[in-house]
């Protein structure tokens, strides 16, 4: 619980510092994009706009779905902030070295 709360506080501060906000129009746009992408996966690329609107409105009326989509938009914005501001320090390792690094990090996280 302590780690989760700490993460939420850090995330909130980063969002505040970088003016990361999500509005209803962005969630609506995300719904349309998600629906179109899903329909394209099933070969349905020529769905009438009215049908898309009905599907989107149905999804937006479900509070749980709205919250999920809103958080997805927020997460995408936060990822963009991180990509823009975090410098990577790339290091080439063998597969075995990678496994060792991950194992060590998991132990550290379990102990923290």
PDB file of N, CA and C in Angstrom:
ATOM      1  N   UNK A   1       0.834  -1.196   0.000  1.00  0.00           N
ATOM      2  CA  UNK A   1       0.000   0.000   0.000  1.00  0.00           C
ATOM      3  C   UNK A   1       0.868   1.245   0.000  1.00  0.00           C
ATOM      4  N   UNK A   2       1.926   1.233   0.776  1.00  0.00           N
ATOM      5  CA  UNK A   2       2.819   2.372   0.883  1.00  0.00           C
ATOM      6  C   UNK A   2       3.455   2.711  -0.468  1.00  0.00           C
ATOM      7  N   UNK A   3       3.880   1.700  -1.214  1.00  0.00           N
ATOM      8  CA  UNK A   3       4.506   1.923  -2.519  1.00  0.00           C
ATOM      9  C   UNK A   3       3.498   2.494  -3.505  1.00  0.00           C
ATOM     10  N   UNK A   4       2.285   1.977  -3.477  1.00  0.00           N
ATOM     11  CA  UNK A   4       1.247   2.458  -4.377  1.00  0.00           C
ATOM     12  C   UNK A   4       0.909   3.917  -4.112  1.00  0.00           C
ATOM     13  N   UNK A   5       0.794   4.286  -2.860  1.00  0.00           N
ATOM     14  CA  UNK A   5       0.497   5.663  -2.493  1.00  0.00           C
ATOM     15  C   UNK A   5       1.640   6.581  -2.898  1.00  0.00           C
ATOM     16  N   UNK A   6       2.850   6.134  -2.654  1.00  0.00           N
ATOM     17  CA  UNK A   6       4.029   6.916  -3.029  1.00  0.00           C
ATOM     18  C   UNK A   6       4.045   7.142  -4.540  1.00  0.00           C
ATOM     19  N   UNK A   7       3.772   6.087  -5.300  1.00  0.00           N
ATOM     20  CA  UNK A   7       3.734   6.191  -6.757  1.00  0.00           C
ATOM     21  C   UNK A   7       2.660   7.187  -7.193  1.00  0.00           C
ATOM     22  N   UNK A   8       1.478   7.112  -6.585  1.00  0.00           N
ATOM     23  CA  UNK A   8       0.386   8.024  -6.950  1.00  0.00           C
ATOM     24  C   UNK A   8       0.752   9.472  -6.661  1.00  0.00           C
ATOM     25  N   UNK A   9       1.422   9.724  -5.545  1.00  0.00           N
ATOM     26  CA  UNK A   9       1.829  11.087  -5.206  1.00  0.00           C
ATOM     27  C   UNK A   9       2.867  11.612  -6.201  1.00  0.00           C
ATOM     28  N   UNK A  10       3.817  10.765  -6.556  1.00  0.00           N
ATOM     29  CA  UNK A  10       4.837  11.165  -7.540  1.00  0.00           C
ATOM     30  C   UNK A  10       4.184  11.422  -8.889  1.00  0.00           C
ATOM     31  N   UNK A  11       3.308  10.519  -9.293  1.00  0.00           N
ATOM     32  CA  UNK A  11       2.610  10.662 -10.569  1.00  0.00           C
ATOM     33  C   UNK A  11       1.795  11.957 -10.588  1.00  0.00           C
ATOM     34  N   UNK A  12       1.100  12.246  -9.510  1.00  0.00           N
ATOM     35  CA  UNK A  12       0.283  13.458  -9.430  1.00  0.00           C
ATOM     36  C   UNK A  12       1.150  14.706  -9.524  1.00  0.00           C
ATOM     37  N   UNK A  13       2.301  14.687  -8.880  1.00  0.00           N
ATOM     38  CA  UNK A  13       3.202  15.846  -8.921  1.00  0.00           C
ATOM     39  C   UNK A  13       3.770  16.045 -10.323  1.00  0.00           C
ATOM     40  N   UNK A  14       4.156  14.965 -10.978  1.00  0.00           N
ATOM     41  CA  UNK A  14       4.672  15.056 -12.351  1.00  0.00           C
ATOM     42  C   UNK A  14       3.574  15.581 -13.274  1.00  0.00           C
ATOM     43  N   UNK A  15       2.360  15.083 -13.111  1.00  0.00           N
ATOM     44  CA  UNK A  15       1.236  15.536 -13.935  1.00  0.00           C
ATOM     45  C   UNK A  15       0.971  17.023 -13.706  1.00  0.00           C
ATOM     46  N   UNK A  16       1.010  17.449 -12.454  1.00  0.00           N
ATOM     47  CA  UNK A  16       0.772  18.856 -12.129  1.00  0.00           C
ATOM     48  C   UNK A  16       1.875  19.740 -12.716  1.00  0.00           C
ATOM     49  N   UNK A  17       3.110  19.333 -12.554  1.00  0.00           N
ATOM     50  CA  UNK A  17       4.250  20.103 -13.054  1.00  0.00           C
ATOM     51  C   UNK A  17       4.207  20.251 -14.570  1.00  0.00           C
ATOM     52  N   UNK A  18       3.730  19.223 -15.263  1.00  0.00           N
ATOM     53  CA  UNK A  18       3.713  19.224 -16.726  1.00  0.00           C
ATOM     54  C   UNK A  18       2.334  19.529 -17.309  1.00  0.00           C
ATOM     55  N   UNK A  19       1.419  20.007 -16.457  1.00  0.00           N
ATOM     56  CA  UNK A  19       0.063  20.368 -16.895  1.00  0.00           C
ATOM     57  C   UNK A  19      -0.627  19.246 -17.661  1.00  0.00           C
ATOM     58  N   UNK A  20      -0.522  18.028 -17.155  1.00  0.00           N
ATOM     59  CA  UNK A  20      -1.167  16.881 -17.785  1.00  0.00           C
ATOM     60  C   UNK A  20      -2.584  16.777 -17.237  1.00  0.00           C
ATOM     61  N   UNK A  21      -3.540  17.030 -18.108  1.00  0.00           N
ATOM     62  CA  UNK A  21      -4.949  16.946 -17.744  1.00  0.00           C
ATOM     63  C   UNK A  21      -5.690  16.212 -18.851  1.00  0.00           C
ATOM     64  N   UNK A  22      -6.802  15.622 -18.496  1.00  0.00           N
ATOM     65  CA  UNK A  22      -7.631  14.910 -19.469  1.00  0.00           C
ATOM     66  C   UNK A  22      -9.020  15.532 -19.431  1.00  0.00           C
ATOM     67  N   UNK A  23      -9.526  15.887 -20.613  1.00  0.00           N
ATOM     68  CA  UNK A  23     -10.878  16.433 -20.658  1.00  0.00           C
ATOM     69  C   UNK A  23     -11.800  15.456 -21.388  1.00  0.00           C
ATOM     70  N   UNK A  24     -13.082  15.721 -21.295  1.00  0.00           N
ATOM     71  CA  UNK A  24     -14.093  14.809 -21.853  1.00  0.00           C
ATOM     72  C   UNK A  24     -13.944  14.649 -23.362  1.00  0.00           C
ATOM     73  N   UNK A  25     -13.546  15.712 -24.042  1.00  0.00           N
ATOM     74  CA  UNK A  25     -13.390  15.640 -25.500  1.00  0.00           C
ATOM     75  C   UNK A  25     -12.266  14.675 -25.880  1.00  0.00           C
ATOM     76  N   UNK A  26     -11.194  14.666 -25.102  1.00  0.00           N
ATOM     77  CA  UNK A  26     -10.088  13.744 -25.366  1.00  0.00           C
ATOM     78  C   UNK A  26     -10.511  12.293 -25.130  1.00  0.00           C
ATOM     79  N   UNK A  27     -11.329  12.074 -24.121  1.00  0.00           N
ATOM     80  CA  UNK A  27     -11.822  10.724 -23.853  1.00  0.00           C
ATOM     81  C   UNK A  27     -12.732  10.281 -24.989  1.00  0.00           C
ATOM     82  N   UNK A  28     -13.589  11.188 -25.451  1.00  0.00           N
ATOM     83  CA  UNK A  28     -14.496  10.873 -26.563  1.00  0.00           C
ATOM     84  C   UNK A  28     -13.689  10.521 -27.809  1.00  0.00           C
ATOM     85  N   UNK A  29     -12.652  11.286 -28.093  1.00  0.00           N
ATOM     86  CA  UNK A  29     -11.799  11.019 -29.247  1.00  0.00           C
ATOM     87  C   UNK A  29     -11.107   9.661 -29.110  1.00  0.00           C
ATOM     88  N   UNK A  30     -10.665   9.340 -27.900  1.00  0.00           N
ATOM     89  CA  UNK A  30     -10.025   8.049 -27.653  1.00  0.00           C
ATOM     90  C   UNK A  30     -10.998   6.899 -27.883  1.00  0.00           C
ATOM     91  N   UNK A  31     -12.271   7.108 -27.507  1.00  0.00           N
ATOM     92  CA  UNK A  31     -13.293   6.081 -27.723  1.00  0.00           C
ATOM     93  C   UNK A  31     -13.469   5.829 -29.218  1.00  0.00           C
ATOM     94  N   UNK A  32     -13.604   6.903 -29.987  1.00  0.00           N
ATOM     95  CA  UNK A  32     -13.775   6.749 -31.438  1.00  0.00           C
ATOM     96  C   UNK A  32     -12.586   6.019 -32.056  1.00  0.00           C
ATOM     97  N   UNK A  33     -11.386   6.408 -31.663  1.00  0.00           N
ATOM     98  CA  UNK A  33     -10.181   5.771 -32.196  1.00  0.00           C
ATOM     99  C   UNK A  33     -10.147   4.293 -31.838  1.00  0.00           C
ATOM    100  N   UNK A  34     -10.445   3.971 -30.582  1.00  0.00           N
ATOM    101  CA  UNK A  34     -10.424   2.576 -30.140  1.00  0.00           C
ATOM    102  C   UNK A  34     -11.458   1.739 -30.889  1.00  0.00           C
ATOM    103  N   UNK A  35     -12.649   2.303 -31.077  1.00  0.00           N
ATOM    104  CA  UNK A  35     -13.709   1.572 -31.784  1.00  0.00           C
ATOM    105  C   UNK A  35     -13.325   1.346 -33.237  1.00  0.00           C
ATOM    106  N   UNK A  36     -12.832   2.393 -33.888  1.00  0.00           N
ATOM    107  CA  UNK A  36     -12.418   2.263 -35.285  1.00  0.00           C
ATOM    108  C   UNK A  36     -11.307   1.225 -35.436  1.00  0.00           C
ATOM    109  N   UNK A  37     -10.330   1.278 -34.541  1.00  0.00           N
ATOM    110  CA  UNK A  37      -9.218   0.324 -34.606  1.00  0.00           C
ATOM    111  C   UNK A  37      -9.712  -1.108 -34.406  1.00  0.00           C
ATOM    112  N   UNK A  38     -10.615  -1.290 -33.456  1.00  0.00           N
ATOM    113  CA  UNK A  38     -11.130  -2.625 -33.188  1.00  0.00           C
ATOM    114  C   UNK A  38     -11.942  -3.148 -34.370  1.00  0.00           C
ATOM    115  N   UNK A  39     -12.754  -2.289 -34.962  1.00  0.00           N
ATOM    116  CA  UNK A  39     -13.548  -2.713 -36.114  1.00  0.00           C
ATOM    117  C   UNK A  39     -12.651  -3.030 -37.311  1.00  0.00           C
ATOM    118  N   UNK A  40     -11.573  -2.280 -37.489  1.00  0.00           N
ATOM    119  CA  UNK A  40     -10.630  -2.555 -38.577  1.00  0.00           C
ATOM    120  C   UNK A  40      -9.986  -3.927 -38.409  1.00  0.00           C
ATOM    121  N   UNK A  41      -9.740  -4.316 -37.165  1.00  0.00           N
ATOM    122  CA  UNK A  41      -9.152  -5.630 -36.902  1.00  0.00           C
ATOM    123  C   UNK A  41     -10.051  -6.743 -37.418  1.00  0.00           C
ATOM    124  N   UNK A  42     -11.340  -6.484 -37.432  1.00  0.00           N
ATOM    125  CA  UNK A  42     -12.298  -7.482 -37.894  1.00  0.00           C
ATOM    126  C   UNK A  42     -12.761  -7.211 -39.327  1.00  0.00           C
ATOM    127  N   UNK A  43     -12.008  -6.362 -40.042  1.00  0.00           N
ATOM    128  CA  UNK A  43     -12.299  -6.100 -41.447  1.00  0.00           C
ATOM    129  C   UNK A  43     -13.494  -5.200 -41.689  1.00  0.00           C
ATOM    130  N   UNK A  44     -13.896  -4.459 -40.706  1.00  0.00           N
ATOM    131  CA  UNK A  44     -15.076  -3.586 -40.822  1.00  0.00           C
ATOM    132  C   UNK A  44     -14.611  -2.125 -40.837  1.00  0.00           C
ATOM    133  N   UNK A  45     -14.082  -1.681 -41.963  1.00  0.00           N
ATOM    134  CA  UNK A  45     -13.529  -0.325 -42.016  1.00  0.00           C
ATOM    135  C   UNK A  45     -14.508   0.714 -42.564  1.00  0.00           C
ATOM    136  N   UNK A  46     -15.645   0.294 -43.053  1.00  0.00           N
ATOM    137  CA  UNK A  46     -16.580   1.252 -43.646  1.00  0.00           C
ATOM    138  C   UNK A  46     -17.896   1.335 -42.858  1.00  0.00           C
ATOM    139  N   UNK A  47     -17.773   1.485 -41.554  1.00  0.00           N
ATOM    140  CA  UNK A  47     -18.951   1.611 -40.683  1.00  0.00           C
ATOM    141  C   UNK A  47     -19.459   3.059 -40.763  1.00  0.00           C
ATOM    142  N   UNK A  48     -20.761   3.258 -40.925  1.00  0.00           N
ATOM    143  CA  UNK A  48     -21.312   4.620 -40.974  1.00  0.00           C
ATOM    144  C   UNK A  48     -20.993   5.404 -39.697  1.00  0.00           C
ATOM    145  N   UNK A  49     -20.762   6.691 -39.860  1.00  0.00           N
ATOM    146  CA  UNK A  49     -20.420   7.566 -38.736  1.00  0.00           C
ATOM    147  C   UNK A  49     -21.495   7.523 -37.648  1.00  0.00           C
ATOM    148  N   UNK A  50     -22.740   7.425 -38.037  1.00  0.00           N
ATOM    149  CA  UNK A  50     -23.841   7.381 -37.068  1.00  0.00           C
ATOM    150  C   UNK A  50     -23.741   6.145 -36.168  1.00  0.00           C
ATOM    151  N   UNK A  51     -23.377   5.027 -36.764  1.00  0.00           N
ATOM    152  CA  UNK A  51     -23.210   3.791 -35.992  1.00  0.00           C
ATOM    153  C   UNK A  51     -22.044   3.926 -35.018  1.00  0.00           C
ATOM    154  N   UNK A  52     -20.948   4.526 -35.489  1.00  0.00           N
ATOM    155  CA  UNK A  52     -19.794   4.759 -34.606  1.00  0.00           C
ATOM    156  C   UNK A  52     -20.184   5.656 -33.442  1.00  0.00           C
ATOM    157  N   UNK A  53     -20.976   6.678 -33.728  1.00  0.00           N
ATOM    158  CA  UNK A  53     -21.440   7.591 -32.674  1.00  0.00           C
ATOM    159  C   UNK A  53     -22.250   6.838 -31.623  1.00  0.00           C
ATOM    160  N   UNK A  54     -23.144   5.962 -32.063  1.00  0.00           N
ATOM    161  CA  UNK A  54     -23.980   5.204 -31.130  1.00  0.00           C
ATOM    162  C   UNK A  54     -23.138   4.291 -30.252  1.00  0.00           C
ATOM    163  N   UNK A  55     -22.181   3.617 -30.860  1.00  0.00           N
ATOM    164  CA  UNK A  55     -21.308   2.726 -30.099  1.00  0.00           C
ATOM    165  C   UNK A  55     -20.498   3.531 -29.087  1.00  0.00           C
ATOM    166  N   UNK A  56     -19.955   4.662 -29.538  1.00  0.00           N
ATOM    167  CA  UNK A  56     -19.141   5.510 -28.663  1.00  0.00           C
ATOM    168  C   UNK A  56     -19.959   6.049 -27.498  1.00  0.00           C
ATOM    169  N   UNK A  57     -21.158   6.528 -27.773  1.00  0.00           N
ATOM    170  CA  UNK A  57     -21.999   7.079 -26.713  1.00  0.00           C
ATOM    171  C   UNK A  57     -22.369   6.002 -25.697  1.00  0.00           C
ATOM    172  N   UNK A  58     -22.592   4.807 -26.177  1.00  0.00           N
ATOM    173  CA  UNK A  58     -22.893   3.695 -25.281  1.00  0.00           C
ATOM    174  C   UNK A  58     -21.706   3.428 -24.356  1.00  0.00           C
ATOM    175  N   UNK A  59     -20.502   3.435 -24.928  1.00  0.00           N
ATOM    176  CA  UNK A  59     -19.298   3.198 -24.122  1.00  0.00           C
ATOM    177  C   UNK A  59     -19.089   4.323 -23.119  1.00  0.00           C
ATOM    178  N   UNK A  60     -19.340   5.557 -23.532  1.00  0.00           N
ATOM    179  CA  UNK A  60     -19.115   6.706 -22.655  1.00  0.00           C
ATOM    180  C   UNK A  60     -20.129   6.780 -21.515  1.00  0.00           C
ATOM    181  N   UNK A  61     -21.298   6.188 -21.698  1.00  0.00           N
ATOM    182  CA  UNK A  61     -22.309   6.203 -20.641  1.00  0.00           C
ATOM    183  C   UNK A  61     -21.990   5.216 -19.521  1.00  0.00           C
ATOM    184  N   UNK A  62     -21.155   4.242 -19.822  1.00  0.00           N
ATOM    185  CA  UNK A  62     -20.732   3.281 -18.806  1.00  0.00           C
ATOM    186  C   UNK A  62     -19.599   3.927 -17.998  1.00  0.00           C
ATOM    187  N   UNK A  63     -19.858   4.265 -16.749  1.00  0.00           N
ATOM    188  CA  UNK A  63     -18.894   5.001 -15.920  1.00  0.00           C
ATOM    189  C   UNK A  63     -17.570   4.256 -15.783  1.00  0.00           C
ATOM    190  N   UNK A  64     -17.631   2.965 -15.626  1.00  0.00           N
ATOM    191  CA  UNK A  64     -16.407   2.173 -15.482  1.00  0.00           C
ATOM    192  C   UNK A  64     -15.563   2.248 -16.758  1.00  0.00           C
ATOM    193  N   UNK A  65     -16.228   2.144 -17.905  1.00  0.00           N
ATOM    194  CA  UNK A  65     -15.527   2.234 -19.185  1.00  0.00           C
ATOM    195  C   UNK A  65     -14.968   3.638 -19.402  1.00  0.00           C
ATOM    196  N   UNK A  66     -15.748   4.648 -19.040  1.00  0.00           N
ATOM    197  CA  UNK A  66     -15.281   6.034 -19.158  1.00  0.00           C
ATOM    198  C   UNK A  66     -14.026   6.249 -18.315  1.00  0.00           C
ATOM    199  N   UNK A  67     -14.050   5.759 -17.084  1.00  0.00           N
ATOM    200  CA  UNK A  67     -12.886   5.902 -16.203  1.00  0.00           C
ATOM    201  C   UNK A  67     -11.670   5.190 -16.776  1.00  0.00           C
ATOM    202  N   UNK A  68     -11.879   3.996 -17.324  1.00  0.00           N
ATOM    203  CA  UNK A  68     -10.775   3.234 -17.912  1.00  0.00           C
ATOM    204  C   UNK A  68     -10.168   3.998 -19.079  1.00  0.00           C
ATOM    205  N   UNK A  69     -11.027   4.516 -19.953  1.00  0.00           N
ATOM    206  CA  UNK A  69     -10.541   5.255 -21.117  1.00  0.00           C
ATOM    207  C   UNK A  69      -9.874   6.564 -20.712  1.00  0.00           C
ATOM    208  N   UNK A  70     -10.421   7.220 -19.717  1.00  0.00           N
ATOM    209  CA  UNK A  70      -9.833   8.462 -19.217  1.00  0.00           C
ATOM    210  C   UNK A  70      -8.431   8.192 -18.669  1.00  0.00           C
ATOM    211  N   UNK A  71      -8.298   7.108 -17.918  1.00  0.00           N
ATOM    212  CA  UNK A  71      -6.981   6.763 -17.369  1.00  0.00           C
ATOM    213  C   UNK A  71      -6.011   6.386 -18.490  1.00  0.00           C
ATOM    214  N   UNK A  72      -6.510   5.754 -19.551  1.00  0.00           N
ATOM    215  CA  UNK A  72      -5.653   5.399 -20.684  1.00  0.00           C
ATOM    216  C   UNK A  72      -5.124   6.660 -21.375  1.00  0.00           C
ATOM    217  N   UNK A  73      -5.982   7.656 -21.550  1.00  0.00           N
ATOM    218  CA  UNK A  73      -5.558   8.924 -22.145  1.00  0.00           C
ATOM    219  C   UNK A  73      -4.511   9.576 -21.246  1.00  0.00           C
ATOM    220  N   UNK A  74      -4.764   9.574 -19.942  1.00  0.00           N
ATOM    221  CA  UNK A  74      -3.814  10.132 -18.974  1.00  0.00           C
ATOM    222  C   UNK A  74      -2.475   9.406 -19.056  1.00  0.00           C
ATOM    223  N   UNK A  75      -2.513   8.089 -19.104  1.00  0.00           N
ATOM    224  CA  UNK A  75      -1.297   7.291 -19.177  1.00  0.00           C
ATOM    225  C   UNK A  75      -0.514   7.596 -20.452  1.00  0.00           C
ATOM    226  N   UNK A  76      -1.212   7.735 -21.569  1.00  0.00           N
ATOM    227  CA  UNK A  76      -0.547   8.075 -22.830  1.00  0.00           C
ATOM    228  C   UNK A  76       0.134   9.436 -22.737  1.00  0.00           C
ATOM    229  N   UNK A  77      -0.530  10.400 -22.119  1.00  0.00           N
ATOM    230  CA  UNK A  77       0.065  11.726 -21.953  1.00  0.00           C
ATOM    231  C   UNK A  77       1.289  11.672 -21.028  1.00  0.00           C
ATOM    232  N   UNK A  78       1.185  10.901 -19.950  1.00  0.00           N
ATOM    233  CA  UNK A  78       2.320  10.782 -19.027  1.00  0.00           C
ATOM    234  C   UNK A  78       3.503  10.103 -19.718  1.00  0.00           C
ATOM    235  N   UNK A  79       3.235   9.096 -20.529  1.00  0.00           N
ATOM    236  CA  UNK A  79       4.299   8.422 -21.268  1.00  0.00           C
ATOM    237  C   UNK A  79       5.008   9.405 -22.191  1.00  0.00           C
ATOM    238  N   UNK A  80       4.246  10.279 -22.836  1.00  0.00           N
ATOM    239  CA  UNK A  80       4.849  11.299 -23.703  1.00  0.00           C
ATOM    240  C   UNK A  80       5.745  12.240 -22.898  1.00  0.00           C
ATOM    241  N   UNK A  81       5.310  12.606 -21.684  1.00  0.00           N
ATOM    242  CA  UNK A  81       6.125  13.465 -20.814  1.00  0.00           C
ATOM    243  C   UNK A  81       7.429  12.751 -20.461  1.00  0.00           C
ATOM    244  N   UNK A  82       7.337  11.476 -20.106  1.00  0.00           N
ATOM    245  CA  UNK A  82       8.538  10.734 -19.746  1.00  0.00           C
ATOM    246  C   UNK A  82       9.491  10.611 -20.926  1.00  0.00           C
ATOM    247  N   UNK A  83       8.954  10.293 -22.096  1.00  0.00           N
ATOM    248  CA  UNK A  83       9.795  10.155 -23.288  1.00  0.00           C
ATOM    249  C   UNK A  83      10.504  11.461 -23.620  1.00  0.00           C
ATOM    250  N   UNK A  84       9.824  12.547 -23.363  1.00  0.00           N
ATOM    251  CA  UNK A  84      10.371  13.863 -23.671  1.00  0.00           C
ATOM    252  C   UNK A  84      11.444  14.289 -22.667  1.00  0.00           C
ATOM    253  N   UNK A  85      11.322  13.849 -21.420  1.00  0.00           N
ATOM    254  CA  UNK A  85      12.178  14.377 -20.355  1.00  0.00           C
ATOM    255  C   UNK A  85      13.198  13.412 -19.776  1.00  0.00           C
ATOM    256  N   UNK A  86      13.088  12.138 -20.075  1.00  0.00           N
ATOM    257  CA  UNK A  86      13.991  11.159 -19.469  1.00  0.00           C
ATOM    258  C   UNK A  86      15.063  10.761 -20.473  1.00  0.00           C
ATOM    259  N   UNK A  87      16.283  10.834 -20.039  1.00  0.00           N
ATOM    260  CA  UNK A  87      17.396  10.428 -20.890  1.00  0.00           C
ATOM    261  C   UNK A  87      17.726   8.968 -20.580  1.00  0.00           C
ATOM    262  N   UNK A  88      17.777   8.158 -21.607  1.00  0.00           N
ATOM    263  CA  UNK A  88      18.099   6.749 -21.432  1.00  0.00           C
ATOM    264  C   UNK A  88      19.599   6.541 -21.424  1.00  0.00           C
ATOM    265  N   UNK A  89      20.019   5.606 -20.619  1.00  0.00           N
ATOM    266  CA  UNK A  89      21.418   5.211 -20.578  1.00  0.00           C
ATOM    267  C   UNK A  89      21.464   3.763 -21.066  1.00  0.00           C
ATOM    268  N   UNK A  90      21.637   3.605 -22.372  1.00  0.00           N
ATOM    269  CA  UNK A  90      21.608   2.271 -22.959  1.00  0.00           C
ATOM    270  C   UNK A  90      22.895   1.521 -22.652  1.00  0.00           C
ATOM    271  N   UNK A  91      22.724   0.231 -22.441  1.00  0.00           N
ATOM    272  CA  UNK A  91      23.860  -0.624 -22.107  1.00  0.00           C
ATOM    273  C   UNK A  91      23.642  -1.960 -22.800  1.00  0.00           C
ATOM    274  N   UNK A  92      24.619  -2.404 -23.546  1.00  0.00           N
ATOM    275  CA  UNK A  92      24.498  -3.671 -24.239  1.00  0.00           C
ATOM    276  C   UNK A  92      24.931  -4.800 -23.295  1.00  0.00           C
ATOM    277  N   UNK A  93      24.072  -5.815 -23.172  1.00  0.00           N
ATOM    278  CA  UNK A  93      24.353  -6.954 -22.293  1.00  0.00           C
ATOM    279  C   UNK A  93      23.967  -8.245 -23.004  1.00  0.00           C
ATOM    280  N   UNK A  94      24.525  -9.318 -22.518  1.00  0.00           N
ATOM    281  CA  UNK A  94      24.133 -10.627 -23.038  1.00  0.00           C
ATOM    282  C   UNK A  94      22.806 -11.026 -22.399  1.00  0.00           C
ATOM    283  N   UNK A  95      22.206 -12.074 -22.916  1.00  0.00           N
ATOM    284  CA  UNK A  95      20.944 -12.544 -22.357  1.00  0.00           C
ATOM    285  C   UNK A  95      21.120 -12.939 -20.888  1.00  0.00           C
ATOM    286  N   UNK A  96      22.176 -13.656 -20.575  1.00  0.00           N
ATOM    287  CA  UNK A  96      22.414 -14.091 -19.193  1.00  0.00           C
ATOM    288  C   UNK A  96      22.616 -12.902 -18.264  1.00  0.00           C
ATOM    289  N   UNK A  97      23.334 -11.885 -18.726  1.00  0.00           N
ATOM    290  CA  UNK A  97      23.530 -10.678 -17.920  1.00  0.00           C
ATOM    291  C   UNK A  97      22.190  -9.973 -17.685  1.00  0.00           C
ATOM    292  N   UNK A  98      21.369  -9.962 -18.706  1.00  0.00           N
ATOM    293  CA  UNK A  98      20.041  -9.352 -18.585  1.00  0.00           C
ATOM    294  C   UNK A  98      19.210 -10.082 -17.531  1.00  0.00           C
ATOM    295  N   UNK A  99      19.211 -11.399 -17.578  1.00  0.00           N
ATOM    296  CA  UNK A  99      18.462 -12.194 -16.604  1.00  0.00           C
ATOM    297  C   UNK A  99      18.978 -11.913 -15.201  1.00  0.00           C
ATOM    298  N   UNK A 100      20.285 -11.835 -15.040  1.00  0.00           N
ATOM    299  CA  UNK A 100      20.869 -11.533 -13.731  1.00  0.00           C
ATOM    300  C   UNK A 100      20.436 -10.152 -13.234  1.00  0.00           C
ATOM    301  N   UNK A 101      20.460  -9.158 -14.126  1.00  0.00           N
ATOM    302  CA  UNK A 101      20.044  -7.802 -13.747  1.00  0.00           C
ATOM    303  C   UNK A 101      18.583  -7.773 -13.296  1.00  0.00           C
ATOM    304  N   UNK A 102      17.724  -8.426 -14.030  1.00  0.00           N
ATOM    305  CA  UNK A 102      16.298  -8.455 -13.697  1.00  0.00           C
ATOM    306  C   UNK A 102      16.066  -9.187 -12.373  1.00  0.00           C
ATOM    307  N   UNK A 103      16.765 -10.288 -12.190  1.00  0.00           N
ATOM    308  CA  UNK A 103      16.643 -11.045 -10.949  1.00  0.00           C
ATOM    309  C   UNK A 103      17.058 -10.187  -9.763  1.00  0.00           C
ATOM    310  N   UNK A 104      18.157  -9.462  -9.892  1.00  0.00           N
ATOM    311  CA  UNK A 104      18.646  -8.596  -8.817  1.00  0.00           C
ATOM    312  C   UNK A 104      17.651  -7.453  -8.540  1.00  0.00           C
ATOM    313  N   UNK A 105      17.113  -6.842  -9.592  1.00  0.00           N
ATOM    314  CA  UNK A 105      16.142  -5.762  -9.409  1.00  0.00           C
ATOM    315  C   UNK A 105      14.876  -6.264  -8.726  1.00  0.00           C
ATOM    316  N   UNK A 106      14.427  -7.450  -9.093  1.00  0.00           N
ATOM    317  CA  UNK A 106      13.243  -8.028  -8.453  1.00  0.00           C
ATOM    318  C   UNK A 106      13.477  -8.279  -6.979  1.00  0.00           C
ATOM    319  N   UNK A 107      14.675  -8.741  -6.619  1.00  0.00           N
ATOM    320  CA  UNK A 107      15.007  -8.943  -5.199  1.00  0.00           C
ATOM    321  C   UNK A 107      14.981  -7.612  -4.459  1.00  0.00           C
ATOM    322  N   UNK A 108      15.562  -6.571  -5.066  1.00  0.00           N
ATOM    323  CA  UNK A 108      15.577  -5.241  -4.434  1.00  0.00           C
ATOM    324  C   UNK A 108      14.157  -4.729  -4.222  1.00  0.00           C
ATOM    325  N   UNK A 109      13.309  -4.907  -5.219  1.00  0.00           N
ATOM    326  CA  UNK A 109      11.930  -4.437  -5.101  1.00  0.00           C
ATOM    327  C   UNK A 109      11.154  -5.213  -4.043  1.00  0.00           C
ATOM    328  N   UNK A 110      11.418  -6.504  -3.956  1.00  0.00           N
ATOM    329  CA  UNK A 110      10.736  -7.324  -2.952  1.00  0.00           C
ATOM    330  C   UNK A 110      11.143  -6.933  -1.532  1.00  0.00           C
ATOM    331  N   UNK A 111      12.371  -6.529  -1.381  1.00  0.00           N
ATOM    332  CA  UNK A 111      12.885  -6.143  -0.051  1.00  0.00           C
ATOM    333  C   UNK A 111      12.459  -4.742   0.369  1.00  0.00           C
ATOM    334  N   UNK A 112      12.189  -3.887  -0.599  1.00  0.00           N
ATOM    335  CA  UNK A 112      11.877  -2.476  -0.298  1.00  0.00           C
ATOM    336  C   UNK A 112      10.519  -2.296   0.337  1.00  0.00           C
TER     337      UNK A 112
END
